[in-house]
Amino acid sequence: MRYIDPKSCKERLSKEDNLIVIDVREDYEYQHCNTGFTHIPMGEISLRQQEINSSKDVVIMCQSGRRAEAVVNLLETEFHFPNVFVMEGGILGWIEHVDPSLKLD
């Protein structure tokens, strides 16, 4: 399993690199703290995986990283996505290292 730290992810996004970020948190979590990334809840990944461009590097983020690891495993093993990454620390890492204006509480 491959990981990407939030700062590296932000740098790649700012360069419009071949990268997309999918937020797999539940609807209520996403509504409470909207990252602006594509939102596909973890439970819908199998049904909606065709919405994810597998020709790009795909970063999966959740609250802290655990759900993202499960989704990355699914995308790699079941759907054969070649370049999938877990965002280290999830949204908590993103807030800490990239965007402290986002609030979870």
N, C-alpha and C. Protein backbone atom coordinates (compact mmCIF):
# COMPACT_ATOMS: atom_id res chain seq x y z
N MET A 1 0.85 -1.17 0.00
CA MET A 1 0.00 0.00 0.00
C MET A 1 0.89 1.24 0.00
N ARG A 2 0.48 2.22 -0.80
CA ARG A 2 1.27 3.45 -0.89
C ARG A 2 0.54 4.60 -0.21
N TYR A 3 1.33 5.51 0.34
CA TYR A 3 0.82 6.64 1.09
C TYR A 3 1.37 7.93 0.49
N ILE A 4 0.63 9.02 0.70
CA ILE A 4 1.11 10.34 0.31
C ILE A 4 0.81 11.28 1.47
N ASP A 5 1.77 12.13 1.80
CA ASP A 5 1.53 13.06 2.89
C ASP A 5 0.74 14.26 2.37
N PRO A 6 -0.01 14.93 3.24
CA PRO A 6 -0.87 16.02 2.81
C PRO A 6 -0.13 17.15 2.07
N LYS A 7 1.06 17.51 2.52
CA LYS A 7 1.79 18.59 1.85
C LYS A 7 2.16 18.21 0.42
N SER A 8 2.63 16.99 0.22
CA SER A 8 2.97 16.54 -1.14
C SER A 8 1.73 16.49 -2.02
N CYS A 9 0.62 16.06 -1.45
CA CYS A 9 -0.63 16.02 -2.19
C CYS A 9 -1.03 17.43 -2.61
N LYS A 10 -0.97 18.38 -1.71
CA LYS A 10 -1.31 19.78 -2.01
C LYS A 10 -0.40 20.33 -3.11
N GLU A 11 0.89 20.05 -3.03
CA GLU A 11 1.82 20.52 -4.06
C GLU A 11 1.45 19.96 -5.42
N ARG A 12 1.14 18.68 -5.47
CA ARG A 12 0.76 18.08 -6.75
C ARG A 12 -0.55 18.65 -7.27
N LEU A 13 -1.51 18.89 -6.39
CA LEU A 13 -2.77 19.48 -6.81
C LEU A 13 -2.58 20.90 -7.34
N SER A 14 -1.70 21.67 -6.70
CA SER A 14 -1.48 23.04 -7.14
C SER A 14 -0.80 23.11 -8.51
N LYS A 15 -0.10 22.05 -8.88
CA LYS A 15 0.54 21.97 -10.19
C LYS A 15 -0.39 21.34 -11.22
N GLU A 16 -1.63 21.06 -10.81
CA GLU A 16 -2.59 20.38 -11.66
C GLU A 16 -2.00 19.08 -12.21
N ASP A 17 -1.28 18.41 -11.33
CA ASP A 17 -0.68 17.13 -11.66
C ASP A 17 -1.77 16.11 -11.94
N ASN A 18 -1.42 15.00 -12.47
CA ASN A 18 -2.34 13.93 -12.84
C ASN A 18 -2.86 13.24 -11.57
N LEU A 19 -3.59 13.98 -10.74
CA LEU A 19 -3.96 13.52 -9.41
C LEU A 19 -5.38 13.94 -9.07
N ILE A 20 -6.14 13.03 -8.47
CA ILE A 20 -7.45 13.37 -7.93
C ILE A 20 -7.54 12.86 -6.50
N VAL A 21 -8.35 13.53 -5.71
CA VAL A 21 -8.55 13.14 -4.31
C VAL A 21 -10.02 12.79 -4.13
N ILE A 22 -10.25 11.63 -3.53
CA ILE A 22 -11.61 11.16 -3.23
C ILE A 22 -11.75 11.10 -1.71
N ASP A 23 -12.75 11.79 -1.21
CA ASP A 23 -13.06 11.81 0.23
C ASP A 23 -14.12 10.74 0.47
N VAL A 24 -13.79 9.71 1.25
CA VAL A 24 -14.70 8.59 1.46
C VAL A 24 -15.44 8.64 2.80
N ARG A 25 -15.41 9.80 3.45
CA ARG A 25 -16.15 9.92 4.70
C ARG A 25 -17.65 9.87 4.44
N GLU A 26 -18.42 9.64 5.46
CA GLU A 26 -19.88 9.59 5.35
C GLU A 26 -20.43 10.97 5.01
N ASP A 27 -21.67 11.01 4.51
CA ASP A 27 -22.29 12.28 4.11
C ASP A 27 -22.26 13.31 5.23
N TYR A 28 -22.66 12.90 6.44
CA TYR A 28 -22.71 13.86 7.54
C TYR A 28 -21.32 14.40 7.88
N GLU A 29 -20.30 13.57 7.76
CA GLU A 29 -18.94 14.03 8.04
C GLU A 29 -18.49 15.05 6.98
N TYR A 30 -18.80 14.73 5.73
CA TYR A 30 -18.41 15.61 4.63
C TYR A 30 -19.16 16.94 4.72
N GLN A 31 -20.44 16.90 5.06
CA GLN A 31 -21.23 18.13 5.18
C GLN A 31 -20.73 18.98 6.34
N HIS A 32 -20.31 18.33 7.40
CA HIS A 32 -19.80 19.05 8.57
C HIS A 32 -18.47 19.74 8.27
N CYS A 33 -17.64 19.10 7.48
CA CYS A 33 -16.33 19.64 7.14
C CYS A 33 -16.03 19.28 5.69
N ASN A 34 -16.45 20.17 4.78
CA ASN A 34 -16.35 19.93 3.35
C ASN A 34 -14.96 20.29 2.84
N THR A 35 -14.28 19.30 2.28
CA THR A 35 -12.93 19.51 1.76
C THR A 35 -12.93 20.07 0.35
N GLY A 36 -14.04 19.94 -0.35
CA GLY A 36 -14.09 20.35 -1.74
C GLY A 36 -13.61 19.27 -2.70
N PHE A 37 -13.11 18.17 -2.16
CA PHE A 37 -12.69 17.06 -3.00
C PHE A 37 -13.92 16.26 -3.43
N THR A 38 -13.74 15.43 -4.43
CA THR A 38 -14.82 14.54 -4.86
C THR A 38 -15.23 13.68 -3.67
N HIS A 39 -16.54 13.58 -3.46
CA HIS A 39 -17.05 12.83 -2.32
C HIS A 39 -17.76 11.57 -2.78
N ILE A 40 -17.24 10.43 -2.39
CA ILE A 40 -17.91 9.14 -2.60
C ILE A 40 -17.78 8.38 -1.28
N PRO A 41 -18.86 8.28 -0.51
CA PRO A 41 -18.77 7.57 0.77
C PRO A 41 -18.24 6.15 0.59
N MET A 42 -17.52 5.68 1.58
CA MET A 42 -16.90 4.36 1.53
C MET A 42 -17.88 3.27 1.09
N GLY A 43 -19.07 3.28 1.62
CA GLY A 43 -20.05 2.26 1.31
C GLY A 43 -20.55 2.28 -0.12
N GLU A 44 -20.25 3.35 -0.87
CA GLU A 44 -20.70 3.47 -2.25
C GLU A 44 -19.58 3.24 -3.27
N ILE A 45 -18.38 3.00 -2.80
CA ILE A 45 -17.23 2.87 -3.71
C ILE A 45 -17.45 1.76 -4.73
N SER A 46 -17.89 0.61 -4.31
CA SER A 46 -18.09 -0.51 -5.25
C SER A 46 -19.10 -0.16 -6.34
N LEU A 47 -20.14 0.56 -5.98
CA LEU A 47 -21.18 0.93 -6.94
C LEU A 47 -20.76 2.10 -7.84
N ARG A 48 -19.85 2.94 -7.34
CA ARG A 48 -19.52 4.17 -8.06
C ARG A 48 -18.07 4.25 -8.53
N GLN A 49 -17.34 3.14 -8.46
CA GLN A 49 -15.92 3.16 -8.81
C GLN A 49 -15.69 3.63 -10.24
N GLN A 50 -16.69 3.45 -11.13
CA GLN A 50 -16.53 3.89 -12.52
C GLN A 50 -16.46 5.41 -12.63
N GLU A 51 -16.86 6.13 -11.59
CA GLU A 51 -16.78 7.59 -11.58
C GLU A 51 -15.35 8.08 -11.32
N ILE A 52 -14.47 7.19 -10.92
CA ILE A 52 -13.09 7.54 -10.60
C ILE A 52 -12.22 7.25 -11.80
N ASN A 53 -11.50 8.24 -12.27
CA ASN A 53 -10.63 8.10 -13.44
C ASN A 53 -9.39 7.29 -13.06
N SER A 54 -9.37 6.03 -13.45
CA SER A 54 -8.27 5.15 -13.06
C SER A 54 -6.97 5.44 -13.80
N SER A 55 -7.02 6.32 -14.79
CA SER A 55 -5.77 6.69 -15.48
C SER A 55 -5.00 7.75 -14.71
N LYS A 56 -5.61 8.30 -13.68
CA LYS A 56 -4.94 9.29 -12.83
C LYS A 56 -4.44 8.62 -11.56
N ASP A 57 -3.53 9.31 -10.87
CA ASP A 57 -3.17 8.90 -9.52
C ASP A 57 -4.34 9.28 -8.63
N VAL A 58 -4.80 8.35 -7.83
CA VAL A 58 -5.98 8.55 -7.00
C VAL A 58 -5.57 8.53 -5.54
N VAL A 59 -5.89 9.60 -4.83
CA VAL A 59 -5.63 9.68 -3.39
C VAL A 59 -6.96 9.51 -2.68
N ILE A 60 -6.98 8.59 -1.73
CA ILE A 60 -8.19 8.34 -0.94
C ILE A 60 -7.97 8.92 0.46
N MET A 61 -8.95 9.72 0.90
CA MET A 61 -8.86 10.27 2.25
C MET A 61 -10.14 10.00 3.02
N CYS A 62 -9.97 9.87 4.34
CA CYS A 62 -11.11 9.71 5.23
C CYS A 62 -10.83 10.58 6.46
N GLN A 63 -11.31 10.17 7.61
CA GLN A 63 -11.09 10.95 8.83
C GLN A 63 -9.63 10.88 9.29
N SER A 64 -9.13 9.65 9.46
CA SER A 64 -7.76 9.51 9.97
C SER A 64 -6.89 8.58 9.13
N GLY A 65 -7.49 7.79 8.25
CA GLY A 65 -6.71 6.93 7.38
C GLY A 65 -7.15 5.48 7.31
N ARG A 66 -7.84 4.98 8.30
CA ARG A 66 -8.22 3.56 8.34
C ARG A 66 -9.18 3.17 7.21
N ARG A 67 -10.23 3.94 7.04
CA ARG A 67 -11.19 3.63 5.97
C ARG A 67 -10.52 3.77 4.61
N ALA A 68 -9.66 4.76 4.48
CA ALA A 68 -8.96 4.96 3.21
C ALA A 68 -8.13 3.74 2.84
N GLU A 69 -7.49 3.13 3.82
CA GLU A 69 -6.70 1.92 3.56
C GLU A 69 -7.58 0.81 3.00
N ALA A 70 -8.76 0.64 3.57
CA ALA A 70 -9.68 -0.39 3.09
C ALA A 70 -10.14 -0.10 1.66
N VAL A 71 -10.41 1.16 1.37
CA VAL A 71 -10.85 1.55 0.02
C VAL A 71 -9.72 1.36 -0.99
N VAL A 72 -8.51 1.75 -0.62
CA VAL A 72 -7.37 1.54 -1.52
C VAL A 72 -7.20 0.06 -1.82
N ASN A 73 -7.30 -0.76 -0.80
CA ASN A 73 -7.18 -2.20 -1.00
C ASN A 73 -8.25 -2.70 -1.98
N LEU A 74 -9.47 -2.26 -1.82
CA LEU A 74 -10.56 -2.65 -2.72
C LEU A 74 -10.29 -2.19 -4.15
N LEU A 75 -9.91 -0.92 -4.31
CA LEU A 75 -9.66 -0.40 -5.66
C LEU A 75 -8.51 -1.13 -6.36
N GLU A 76 -7.50 -1.48 -5.59
CA GLU A 76 -6.35 -2.19 -6.18
C GLU A 76 -6.69 -3.64 -6.51
N THR A 77 -7.30 -4.34 -5.58
CA THR A 77 -7.49 -5.78 -5.77
C THR A 77 -8.72 -6.14 -6.59
N GLU A 78 -9.82 -5.45 -6.38
CA GLU A 78 -11.06 -5.80 -7.08
C GLU A 78 -11.22 -5.07 -8.42
N PHE A 79 -10.77 -3.83 -8.47
CA PHE A 79 -11.01 -3.01 -9.66
C PHE A 79 -9.74 -2.68 -10.43
N HIS A 80 -8.60 -3.15 -9.93
CA HIS A 80 -7.31 -3.07 -10.61
C HIS A 80 -6.86 -1.65 -10.95
N PHE A 81 -7.11 -0.73 -10.02
CA PHE A 81 -6.59 0.63 -10.17
C PHE A 81 -5.07 0.57 -9.98
N PRO A 82 -4.30 1.14 -10.89
CA PRO A 82 -2.85 0.99 -10.82
C PRO A 82 -2.15 1.94 -9.84
N ASN A 83 -2.69 3.12 -9.61
CA ASN A 83 -1.98 4.12 -8.81
C ASN A 83 -2.92 4.75 -7.79
N VAL A 84 -3.05 4.07 -6.65
CA VAL A 84 -3.93 4.53 -5.59
C VAL A 84 -3.12 4.74 -4.33
N PHE A 85 -3.40 5.83 -3.63
CA PHE A 85 -2.65 6.21 -2.44
C PHE A 85 -3.59 6.53 -1.29
N VAL A 86 -3.13 6.30 -0.08
CA VAL A 86 -3.82 6.71 1.13
C VAL A 86 -3.23 8.04 1.56
N MET A 87 -4.10 9.02 1.85
CA MET A 87 -3.58 10.27 2.40
C MET A 87 -3.24 10.04 3.87
N GLU A 88 -1.98 10.22 4.20
CA GLU A 88 -1.53 10.04 5.59
C GLU A 88 -2.28 10.98 6.52
N GLY A 89 -2.87 10.41 7.55
CA GLY A 89 -3.56 11.22 8.55
C GLY A 89 -4.95 11.66 8.16
N GLY A 90 -5.39 11.36 6.94
CA GLY A 90 -6.73 11.73 6.49
C GLY A 90 -6.98 13.21 6.59
N ILE A 91 -8.22 13.57 6.85
CA ILE A 91 -8.56 14.98 6.94
C ILE A 91 -7.88 15.64 8.14
N LEU A 92 -7.61 14.86 9.17
CA LEU A 92 -6.89 15.41 10.32
C LEU A 92 -5.50 15.87 9.91
N GLY A 93 -4.82 15.08 9.09
CA GLY A 93 -3.51 15.46 8.57
C GLY A 93 -3.60 16.65 7.63
N TRP A 94 -4.64 16.67 6.80
CA TRP A 94 -4.85 17.79 5.87
C TRP A 94 -5.02 19.10 6.65
N ILE A 95 -5.84 19.05 7.70
CA ILE A 95 -6.06 20.24 8.52
C ILE A 95 -4.76 20.67 9.20
N GLU A 96 -4.05 19.71 9.75
CA GLU A 96 -2.81 20.03 10.49
C GLU A 96 -1.72 20.59 9.59
N HIS A 97 -1.56 20.02 8.40
CA HIS A 97 -0.41 20.37 7.56
C HIS A 97 -0.73 21.28 6.37
N VAL A 98 -2.01 21.40 6.00
CA VAL A 98 -2.34 22.16 4.79
C VAL A 98 -3.36 23.26 5.03
N ASP A 99 -4.49 22.92 5.63
CA ASP A 99 -5.58 23.89 5.72
C ASP A 99 -6.20 23.93 7.12
N PRO A 100 -5.58 24.70 8.02
CA PRO A 100 -6.09 24.77 9.39
C PRO A 100 -7.41 25.53 9.49
N SER A 101 -7.89 26.12 8.40
CA SER A 101 -9.17 26.83 8.45
C SER A 101 -10.35 25.86 8.51
N LEU A 102 -10.13 24.60 8.10
CA LEU A 102 -11.18 23.59 8.21
C LEU A 102 -11.36 23.20 9.67
N LYS A 103 -12.59 23.04 10.08
CA LYS A 103 -12.89 22.71 11.49
C LYS A 103 -13.74 21.45 11.55
N LEU A 104 -13.36 20.55 12.44
CA LEU A 104 -14.13 19.33 12.64
C LEU A 104 -15.07 19.41 13.83
N ASP A 105 -14.85 20.35 14.72
CA ASP A 105 -15.70 20.40 15.92
C ASP A 105 -16.79 21.41 15.82
